[in-house]
Amino acid sequence: MKALRHLYMLAPLAAIFLVGCGAPHGQPRSGYEVLAPNEVLEFAPLFAENCAACHGAEGRGGAAIALANPVYLAIADDDSIRKAIAQGVPGTAMPAFAQSAGGMLTDKQIDIVTSQIRTRWSRPANFSATNLPAYAPKSVGNASQGDAAYKTYCEACHGPDGRGGSKGSSITDGSFLALVSDQSLRTIVIAGRPELGARDWRGNLPGRPMSDQEITDVVAWLASRRVPNPGQPYSASNNAQPQESEGDKRK
């Protein structure tokens, strides 16, 4: 009887061990497998791991533009969005994500991110009767005309000469202009930065949206404000000149 009583006491403990041994030792149980990075095919983790740090959670904007902005998605086609994701934007903070370009994402993963950005956040019906500006410029911009357009549409927020005002930051700062491409500037002028309170191309002057050419000219004016050595109070070439020795001075 005493031995039988010990068996009854050990029975619950044995059951625990048996439950814990549902899978072979050293192997994960069904449903607990961790996918390799190139096997993730769901939009949420792909966006969170690769895009949200700059473009914000749910694409609402951050250091970079909001991808959940319906105006942006109304002007940028899938090829443009996919190219930016895959190849990056040279000369800016936007890196390439395609494996073929040194990134971590497969072509299939990039296709998923591109299609889901539009599926989730575009609102095409909102622009069915709107004359949208072109995503890319149709002509060469004129910086002088852009100066006049800037004063008309932008100066009230961004201040004289784009140095910043009570409602907007400096947009002619050398470091800022060094980190954005002309296309990025055009996209911001058209789509705005609603997450920062910046209006799109229709809202700067009520009842008078910017024309396509005025947008092109403002971008040309902004681009003309770029400096060769942003962030430095002197020319890099001047700083690199060798110092004349005392012996040279006496010759």
C-alpha atoms as a PDB file:
ATOM      1  CA  MET A   1       0.000   0.000   0.000  1.00  0.00           C
ATOM      2  CA  LYS A   2       2.829   2.348   0.838  1.00  0.00           C
ATOM      3  CA  ALA A   3       4.401   1.811  -2.618  1.00  0.00           C
ATOM      4  CA  LEU A   4       1.024   2.350  -4.289  1.00  0.00           C
ATOM      5  CA  ARG A   5       0.568   5.619  -2.385  1.00  0.00           C
ATOM      6  CA  HIS A   6       3.946   6.825  -3.698  1.00  0.00           C
ATOM      7  CA  LEU A   7       2.871   6.031  -7.252  1.00  0.00           C
ATOM      8  CA  TYR A   8      -0.285   8.146  -6.814  1.00  0.00           C
ATOM      9  CA  MET A   9       1.840  11.052  -5.554  1.00  0.00           C
ATOM     10  CA  LEU A  10       4.167  10.819  -8.536  1.00  0.00           C
ATOM     11  CA  ALA A  11       1.379  10.630 -11.124  1.00  0.00           C
ATOM     12  CA  PRO A  12       0.754  14.441 -11.437  1.00  0.00           C
ATOM     13  CA  LEU A  13       4.480  15.070 -11.755  1.00  0.00           C
ATOM     14  CA  ALA A  14       4.762  12.483 -14.500  1.00  0.00           C
ATOM     15  CA  ALA A  15       1.883  14.113 -16.354  1.00  0.00           C
ATOM     16  CA  ILE A  16       3.714  17.451 -16.324  1.00  0.00           C
ATOM     17  CA  PHE A  17       6.822  15.863 -17.803  1.00  0.00           C
ATOM     18  CA  LEU A  18       4.803  14.102 -20.472  1.00  0.00           C
ATOM     19  CA  VAL A  19       3.076  17.350 -21.533  1.00  0.00           C
ATOM     20  CA  GLY A  20       6.451  19.065 -21.745  1.00  0.00           C
ATOM     21  CA  CYS A  21       7.753  16.337 -24.027  1.00  0.00           C
ATOM     22  CA  GLY A  22       5.215  16.833 -26.805  1.00  0.00           C
ATOM     23  CA  ALA A  23       8.036  17.656 -29.241  1.00  0.00           C
ATOM     24  CA  PRO A  24      11.411  15.972 -29.690  1.00  0.00           C
ATOM     25  CA  HIS A  25      14.130  17.371 -27.480  1.00  0.00           C
ATOM     26  CA  GLY A  26      15.854  20.414 -28.997  1.00  0.00           C
ATOM     27  CA  GLN A  27      13.070  21.128 -31.531  1.00  0.00           C
ATOM     28  CA  PRO A  28      10.456  23.907 -31.238  1.00  0.00           C
ATOM     29  CA  ARG A  29       6.840  22.883 -30.809  1.00  0.00           C
ATOM     30  CA  SER A  30       4.405  23.425 -33.659  1.00  0.00           C
ATOM     31  CA  GLY A  31       3.417  27.090 -33.949  1.00  0.00           C
ATOM     32  CA  TYR A  32       6.577  28.370 -32.262  1.00  0.00           C
ATOM     33  CA  GLU A  33       8.835  28.443 -35.338  1.00  0.00           C
ATOM     34  CA  VAL A  34      10.768  31.685 -35.863  1.00  0.00           C
ATOM     35  CA  LEU A  35      10.851  32.742 -39.521  1.00  0.00           C
ATOM     36  CA  ALA A  36      14.084  33.746 -41.184  1.00  0.00           C
ATOM     37  CA  PRO A  37      14.096  37.456 -42.143  1.00  0.00           C
ATOM     38  CA  ASN A  38      13.668  36.679 -45.855  1.00  0.00           C
ATOM     39  CA  GLU A  39      10.628  34.480 -45.128  1.00  0.00           C
ATOM     40  CA  VAL A  40       8.503  37.204 -43.479  1.00  0.00           C
ATOM     41  CA  LEU A  41       5.651  37.989 -45.862  1.00  0.00           C
ATOM     42  CA  GLU A  42       3.283  40.010 -43.657  1.00  0.00           C
ATOM     43  CA  PHE A  43       3.085  43.761 -44.163  1.00  0.00           C
ATOM     44  CA  ALA A  44       2.934  44.806 -40.499  1.00  0.00           C
ATOM     45  CA  PRO A  45       6.289  43.337 -39.388  1.00  0.00           C
ATOM     46  CA  LEU A  46       7.968  44.265 -42.677  1.00  0.00           C
ATOM     47  CA  PHE A  47       6.909  47.899 -42.348  1.00  0.00           C
ATOM     48  CA  ALA A  48       7.653  48.066 -38.624  1.00  0.00           C
ATOM     49  CA  GLU A  49      11.164  46.672 -39.021  1.00  0.00           C
ATOM     50  CA  ASN A  50      12.201  48.523 -42.183  1.00  0.00           C
ATOM     51  CA  CYS A  51      10.138  51.688 -42.621  1.00  0.00           C
ATOM     52  CA  ALA A  52       8.583  52.917 -39.384  1.00  0.00           C
ATOM     53  CA  ALA A  53      11.804  54.301 -37.883  1.00  0.00           C
ATOM     54  CA  CYS A  54      11.787  57.104 -40.481  1.00  0.00           C
ATOM     55  CA  HIS A  55       8.222  57.180 -41.822  1.00  0.00           C
ATOM     56  CA  GLY A  56       6.499  56.673 -38.472  1.00  0.00           C
ATOM     57  CA  ALA A  57       4.216  54.019 -37.044  1.00  0.00           C
ATOM     58  CA  GLU A  58       1.434  53.158 -39.482  1.00  0.00           C
ATOM     59  CA  GLY A  59       3.142  55.465 -42.001  1.00  0.00           C
ATOM     60  CA  ARG A  60       2.024  58.594 -40.174  1.00  0.00           C
ATOM     61  CA  GLY A  61       5.330  60.393 -40.638  1.00  0.00           C
ATOM     62  CA  GLY A  62       8.479  61.014 -38.657  1.00  0.00           C
ATOM     63  CA  ALA A  63      11.898  62.137 -39.784  1.00  0.00           C
ATOM     64  CA  ALA A  64      10.679  61.357 -43.307  1.00  0.00           C
ATOM     65  CA  ILE A  65       7.345  62.038 -45.018  1.00  0.00           C
ATOM     66  CA  ALA A  66       4.139  60.253 -44.106  1.00  0.00           C
ATOM     67  CA  LEU A  67       3.496  57.385 -46.505  1.00  0.00           C
ATOM     68  CA  ALA A  68      -0.093  57.226 -45.266  1.00  0.00           C
ATOM     69  CA  ASN A  69      -0.713  60.623 -46.856  1.00  0.00           C
ATOM     70  CA  PRO A  70      -3.423  60.176 -49.544  1.00  0.00           C
ATOM     71  CA  VAL A  71      -2.052  63.147 -51.522  1.00  0.00           C
ATOM     72  CA  TYR A  72       1.355  61.498 -51.787  1.00  0.00           C
ATOM     73  CA  LEU A  73      -0.224  58.229 -52.914  1.00  0.00           C
ATOM     74  CA  ALA A  74      -2.363  60.092 -55.459  1.00  0.00           C
ATOM     75  CA  ILE A  75       0.699  61.499 -57.272  1.00  0.00           C
ATOM     76  CA  ALA A  76       3.278  58.713 -56.836  1.00  0.00           C
ATOM     77  CA  ASP A  77       2.690  55.531 -58.846  1.00  0.00           C
ATOM     78  CA  ASP A  78       3.708  52.056 -57.715  1.00  0.00           C
ATOM     79  CA  ASP A  79       6.838  52.032 -59.880  1.00  0.00           C
ATOM     80  CA  SER A  80       8.130  55.224 -58.235  1.00  0.00           C
ATOM     81  CA  ILE A  81       7.413  53.944 -54.735  1.00  0.00           C
ATOM     82  CA  ARG A  82       8.933  50.542 -55.449  1.00  0.00           C
ATOM     83  CA  LYS A  83      12.058  52.065 -56.990  1.00  0.00           C
ATOM     84  CA  ALA A  84      12.603  54.258 -53.925  1.00  0.00           C
ATOM     85  CA  ILE A  85      12.255  51.249 -51.610  1.00  0.00           C
ATOM     86  CA  ALA A  86      14.416  48.931 -53.681  1.00  0.00           C
ATOM     87  CA  GLN A  87      17.161  51.297 -54.820  1.00  0.00           C
ATOM     88  CA  GLY A  88      16.959  54.077 -52.245  1.00  0.00           C
ATOM     89  CA  VAL A  89      17.466  57.723 -53.147  1.00  0.00           C
ATOM     90  CA  PRO A  90      21.165  58.478 -53.751  1.00  0.00           C
ATOM     91  CA  GLY A  91      22.508  61.478 -51.884  1.00  0.00           C
ATOM     92  CA  THR A  92      19.777  61.363 -49.242  1.00  0.00           C
ATOM     93  CA  ALA A  93      19.028  59.477 -46.037  1.00  0.00           C
ATOM     94  CA  MET A  94      16.840  56.959 -47.910  1.00  0.00           C
ATOM     95  CA  PRO A  95      18.821  53.679 -48.209  1.00  0.00           C
ATOM     96  CA  ALA A  96      18.318  50.832 -50.657  1.00  0.00           C
ATOM     97  CA  PHE A  97      16.408  47.861 -49.228  1.00  0.00           C
ATOM     98  CA  ALA A  98      16.630  45.361 -52.108  1.00  0.00           C
ATOM     99  CA  GLN A  99      19.056  42.481 -51.627  1.00  0.00           C
ATOM    100  CA  SER A 100      20.388  43.174 -55.118  1.00  0.00           C
ATOM    101  CA  ALA A 101      21.375  46.662 -53.921  1.00  0.00           C
ATOM    102  CA  GLY A 102      22.880  45.553 -50.617  1.00  0.00           C
ATOM    103  CA  GLY A 103      19.685  45.645 -48.549  1.00  0.00           C
ATOM    104  CA  MET A 104      17.811  42.928 -46.655  1.00  0.00           C
ATOM    105  CA  LEU A 105      14.491  42.599 -48.504  1.00  0.00           C
ATOM    106  CA  THR A 106      13.609  40.158 -51.252  1.00  0.00           C
ATOM    107  CA  ASP A 107      11.745  41.260 -54.375  1.00  0.00           C
ATOM    108  CA  LYS A 108       8.595  39.588 -53.041  1.00  0.00           C
ATOM    109  CA  GLN A 109       8.831  41.466 -49.741  1.00  0.00           C
ATOM    110  CA  ILE A 110       9.262  44.782 -51.568  1.00  0.00           C
ATOM    111  CA  ASP A 111       6.204  43.971 -53.699  1.00  0.00           C
ATOM    112  CA  ILE A 112       4.176  43.349 -50.541  1.00  0.00           C
ATOM    113  CA  VAL A 113       5.256  46.614 -48.906  1.00  0.00           C
ATOM    114  CA  THR A 114       4.579  48.603 -52.091  1.00  0.00           C
ATOM    115  CA  SER A 115       1.111  47.162 -52.730  1.00  0.00           C
ATOM    116  CA  GLN A 116      -0.022  47.318 -49.106  1.00  0.00           C
ATOM    117  CA  ILE A 117       1.004  50.960 -48.680  1.00  0.00           C
ATOM    118  CA  ARG A 118      -1.465  51.827 -51.436  1.00  0.00           C
ATOM    119  CA  THR A 119      -4.154  49.331 -50.424  1.00  0.00           C
ATOM    120  CA  ARG A 120      -4.234  50.547 -46.830  1.00  0.00           C
ATOM    121  CA  TRP A 121      -3.707  54.277 -47.129  1.00  0.00           C
ATOM    122  CA  SER A 122      -4.658  55.650 -50.541  1.00  0.00           C
ATOM    123  CA  ARG A 123      -7.968  57.464 -51.061  1.00  0.00           C
ATOM    124  CA  PRO A 124      -8.335  57.787 -54.862  1.00  0.00           C
ATOM    125  CA  ALA A 125     -11.974  58.870 -54.655  1.00  0.00           C
ATOM    126  CA  ASN A 126     -10.872  62.040 -52.849  1.00  0.00           C
ATOM    127  CA  PHE A 127      -9.071  63.248 -55.973  1.00  0.00           C
ATOM    128  CA  SER A 128     -11.412  62.145 -58.762  1.00  0.00           C
ATOM    129  CA  ALA A 129     -12.253  65.781 -59.589  1.00  0.00           C
ATOM    130  CA  THR A 130      -8.865  67.276 -58.683  1.00  0.00           C
ATOM    131  CA  ASN A 131      -6.262  68.497 -61.149  1.00  0.00           C
ATOM    132  CA  LEU A 132      -3.234  66.921 -59.516  1.00  0.00           C
ATOM    133  CA  PRO A 133       0.293  68.214 -60.158  1.00  0.00           C
ATOM    134  CA  ALA A 134       2.677  65.759 -61.765  1.00  0.00           C
ATOM    135  CA  TYR A 135       4.866  63.682 -59.472  1.00  0.00           C
ATOM    136  CA  ALA A 136       7.978  64.496 -61.526  1.00  0.00           C
ATOM    137  CA  PRO A 137       8.605  67.918 -63.133  1.00  0.00           C
ATOM    138  CA  LYS A 138       7.497  68.395 -66.725  1.00  0.00           C
ATOM    139  CA  SER A 139       9.904  71.252 -67.428  1.00  0.00           C
ATOM    140  CA  VAL A 140      13.056  72.920 -66.157  1.00  0.00           C
ATOM    141  CA  GLY A 141      12.488  75.169 -63.160  1.00  0.00           C
ATOM    142  CA  ASN A 142      13.301  78.866 -63.031  1.00  0.00           C
ATOM    143  CA  ALA A 143      14.897  79.910 -59.728  1.00  0.00           C
ATOM    144  CA  SER A 144      14.061  83.609 -60.172  1.00  0.00           C
ATOM    145  CA  GLN A 145      10.393  82.846 -60.742  1.00  0.00           C
ATOM    146  CA  GLY A 146      10.613  80.378 -57.873  1.00  0.00           C
ATOM    147  CA  ASP A 147      11.717  83.189 -55.565  1.00  0.00           C
ATOM    148  CA  ALA A 148       8.524  85.094 -56.417  1.00  0.00           C
ATOM    149  CA  ALA A 149       6.387  81.955 -55.971  1.00  0.00           C
ATOM    150  CA  TYR A 150       8.044  81.280 -52.625  1.00  0.00           C
ATOM    151  CA  LYS A 151       7.152  84.756 -51.386  1.00  0.00           C
ATOM    152  CA  THR A 152       3.561  84.242 -52.492  1.00  0.00           C
ATOM    153  CA  TYR A 153       2.918  80.761 -51.122  1.00  0.00           C
ATOM    154  CA  CYS A 154       5.573  79.858 -48.563  1.00  0.00           C
ATOM    155  CA  GLU A 155       7.063  82.897 -46.860  1.00  0.00           C
ATOM    156  CA  ALA A 156       4.166  83.371 -44.445  1.00  0.00           C
ATOM    157  CA  CYS A 157       5.162  80.144 -42.690  1.00  0.00           C
ATOM    158  CA  HIS A 158       8.839  79.622 -43.490  1.00  0.00           C
ATOM    159  CA  GLY A 159       9.952  83.226 -43.218  1.00  0.00           C
ATOM    160  CA  PRO A 160      11.980  85.535 -45.479  1.00  0.00           C
ATOM    161  CA  ASP A 161      14.498  83.688 -47.629  1.00  0.00           C
ATOM    162  CA  GLY A 162      13.280  80.387 -46.158  1.00  0.00           C
ATOM    163  CA  ARG A 163      15.168  80.906 -42.903  1.00  0.00           C
ATOM    164  CA  GLY A 164      12.223  79.891 -40.735  1.00  0.00           C
ATOM    165  CA  GLY A 165       9.232  81.649 -39.243  1.00  0.00           C
ATOM    166  CA  SER A 166       6.668  81.379 -36.491  1.00  0.00           C
ATOM    167  CA  LYS A 167       4.791  78.568 -38.281  1.00  0.00           C
ATOM    168  CA  GLY A 168       7.518  76.693 -40.105  1.00  0.00           C
ATOM    169  CA  SER A 169      11.153  75.673 -39.869  1.00  0.00           C
ATOM    170  CA  SER A 170      14.042  76.790 -42.053  1.00  0.00           C
ATOM    171  CA  ILE A 171      13.943  75.126 -45.460  1.00  0.00           C
ATOM    172  CA  THR A 172      17.082  76.764 -46.853  1.00  0.00           C
ATOM    173  CA  ASP A 173      19.351  75.369 -44.154  1.00  0.00           C
ATOM    174  CA  GLY A 174      22.386  73.815 -45.852  1.00  0.00           C
ATOM    175  CA  SER A 175      22.265  70.606 -43.844  1.00  0.00           C
ATOM    176  CA  PHE A 176      18.580  70.082 -44.609  1.00  0.00           C
ATOM    177  CA  LEU A 177      19.026  70.676 -48.335  1.00  0.00           C
ATOM    178  CA  ALA A 178      21.990  68.290 -48.391  1.00  0.00           C
ATOM    179  CA  LEU A 179      19.772  65.456 -47.164  1.00  0.00           C
ATOM    180  CA  VAL A 180      16.870  65.822 -49.600  1.00  0.00           C
ATOM    181  CA  SER A 181      16.716  65.356 -53.349  1.00  0.00           C
ATOM    182  CA  ASP A 182      14.927  67.709 -55.719  1.00  0.00           C
ATOM    183  CA  GLN A 183      12.198  65.080 -56.081  1.00  0.00           C
ATOM    184  CA  SER A 184      11.795  64.923 -52.304  1.00  0.00           C
ATOM    185  CA  LEU A 185      11.403  68.711 -52.207  1.00  0.00           C
ATOM    186  CA  ARG A 186       8.789  68.558 -54.953  1.00  0.00           C
ATOM    187  CA  THR A 187       6.908  65.795 -53.157  1.00  0.00           C
ATOM    188  CA  ILE A 188       6.815  67.831 -49.933  1.00  0.00           C
ATOM    189  CA  VAL A 189       5.637  70.980 -51.730  1.00  0.00           C
ATOM    190  CA  ILE A 190       2.785  69.022 -53.339  1.00  0.00           C
ATOM    191  CA  ALA A 191       1.794  66.626 -50.552  1.00  0.00           C
ATOM    192  CA  GLY A 192       2.719  68.809 -47.586  1.00  0.00           C
ATOM    193  CA  ARG A 193       3.637  67.391 -44.206  1.00  0.00           C
ATOM    194  CA  PRO A 194       0.190  67.096 -42.575  1.00  0.00           C
ATOM    195  CA  GLU A 195       1.712  65.420 -39.529  1.00  0.00           C
ATOM    196  CA  LEU A 196       3.686  68.649 -38.971  1.00  0.00           C
ATOM    197  CA  GLY A 197       0.849  71.014 -39.873  1.00  0.00           C
ATOM    198  CA  ALA A 198       2.266  71.833 -43.333  1.00  0.00           C
ATOM    199  CA  ARG A 199      -0.456  72.172 -45.973  1.00  0.00           C
ATOM    200  CA  ASP A 200      -0.413  70.607 -49.413  1.00  0.00           C
ATOM    201  CA  TRP A 201      -0.132  72.576 -52.669  1.00  0.00           C
ATOM    202  CA  ARG A 202      -3.775  73.730 -52.382  1.00  0.00           C
ATOM    203  CA  GLY A 203      -3.747  75.199 -48.908  1.00  0.00           C
ATOM    204  CA  ASN A 204      -0.970  77.787 -48.752  1.00  0.00           C
ATOM    205  CA  LEU A 205      -3.119  80.497 -50.314  1.00  0.00           C
ATOM    206  CA  PRO A 206      -6.850  79.742 -49.909  1.00  0.00           C
ATOM    207  CA  GLY A 207      -8.628  79.473 -53.239  1.00  0.00           C
ATOM    208  CA  ARG A 208      -5.401  79.589 -55.225  1.00  0.00           C
ATOM    209  CA  PRO A 209      -3.527  76.274 -55.510  1.00  0.00           C
ATOM    210  CA  MET A 210       0.018  76.354 -56.806  1.00  0.00           C
ATOM    211  CA  SER A 211       0.370  75.588 -60.495  1.00  0.00           C
ATOM    212  CA  ASP A 212       2.591  72.753 -61.672  1.00  0.00           C
ATOM    213  CA  GLN A 213       5.121  75.280 -62.999  1.00  0.00           C
ATOM    214  CA  GLU A 214       5.129  77.270 -59.755  1.00  0.00           C
ATOM    215  CA  ILE A 215       5.931  74.070 -57.856  1.00  0.00           C
ATOM    216  CA  THR A 216       8.761  73.325 -60.286  1.00  0.00           C
ATOM    217  CA  ASP A 217      10.118  76.860 -59.914  1.00  0.00           C
ATOM    218  CA  VAL A 218       9.997  76.820 -56.097  1.00  0.00           C
ATOM    219  CA  VAL A 219      11.979  73.562 -56.112  1.00  0.00           C
ATOM    220  CA  ALA A 220      14.527  75.157 -58.470  1.00  0.00           C
ATOM    221  CA  TRP A 221      14.835  78.120 -56.083  1.00  0.00           C
ATOM    222  CA  LEU A 222      15.317  75.824 -53.082  1.00  0.00           C
ATOM    223  CA  ALA A 223      17.897  73.745 -54.962  1.00  0.00           C
ATOM    224  CA  SER A 224      19.805  76.932 -55.808  1.00  0.00           C
ATOM    225  CA  ARG A 225      20.255  77.531 -52.072  1.00  0.00           C
ATOM    226  CA  ARG A 226      22.349  74.400 -51.569  1.00  0.00           C
ATOM    227  CA  VAL A 227      25.923  75.042 -50.458  1.00  0.00           C
ATOM    228  CA  PRO A 228      29.055  73.005 -51.311  1.00  0.00           C
ATOM    229  CA  ASN A 229      30.010  72.286 -47.703  1.00  0.00           C
ATOM    230  CA  PRO A 230      26.914  72.188 -45.516  1.00  0.00           C
ATOM    231  CA  GLY A 231      27.460  72.578 -41.808  1.00  0.00           C
ATOM    232  CA  GLN A 232      30.905  74.186 -42.182  1.00  0.00           C
ATOM    233  CA  PRO A 233      31.625  77.902 -41.671  1.00  0.00           C
ATOM    234  CA  TYR A 234      34.484  77.706 -44.180  1.00  0.00           C
ATOM    235  CA  SER A 235      35.354  76.112 -47.488  1.00  0.00           C
ATOM    236  CA  ALA A 236      36.805  72.641 -47.235  1.00  0.00           C
ATOM    237  CA  SER A 237      39.284  73.535 -49.988  1.00  0.00           C
ATOM    238  CA  ASN A 238      40.556  76.534 -48.024  1.00  0.00           C
ATOM    239  CA  ASN A 239      40.934  74.434 -44.907  1.00  0.00           C
ATOM    240  CA  ALA A 240      42.943  71.832 -46.799  1.00  0.00           C
ATOM    241  CA  GLN A 241      45.636  74.272 -48.005  1.00  0.00           C
ATOM    242  CA  PRO A 242      49.078  73.453 -46.548  1.00  0.00           C
ATOM    243  CA  GLN A 243      50.513  75.908 -44.065  1.00  0.00           C
ATOM    244  CA  GLU A 244      53.584  77.865 -45.202  1.00  0.00           C
ATOM    245  CA  SER A 245      56.668  77.180 -43.087  1.00  0.00           C
ATOM    246  CA  GLU A 246      58.927  79.869 -41.616  1.00  0.00           C
ATOM    247  CA  GLY A 247      61.690  78.755 -43.995  1.00  0.00           C
ATOM    248  CA  ASP A 248      59.423  79.249 -46.985  1.00  0.00           C
ATOM    249  CA  LYS A 249      58.493  82.729 -45.794  1.00  0.00           C
ATOM    250  CA  ARG A 250      62.172  83.815 -45.695  1.00  0.00           C
ATOM    251  CA  LYS A 251      62.851  82.637 -49.261  1.00  0.00           C
END
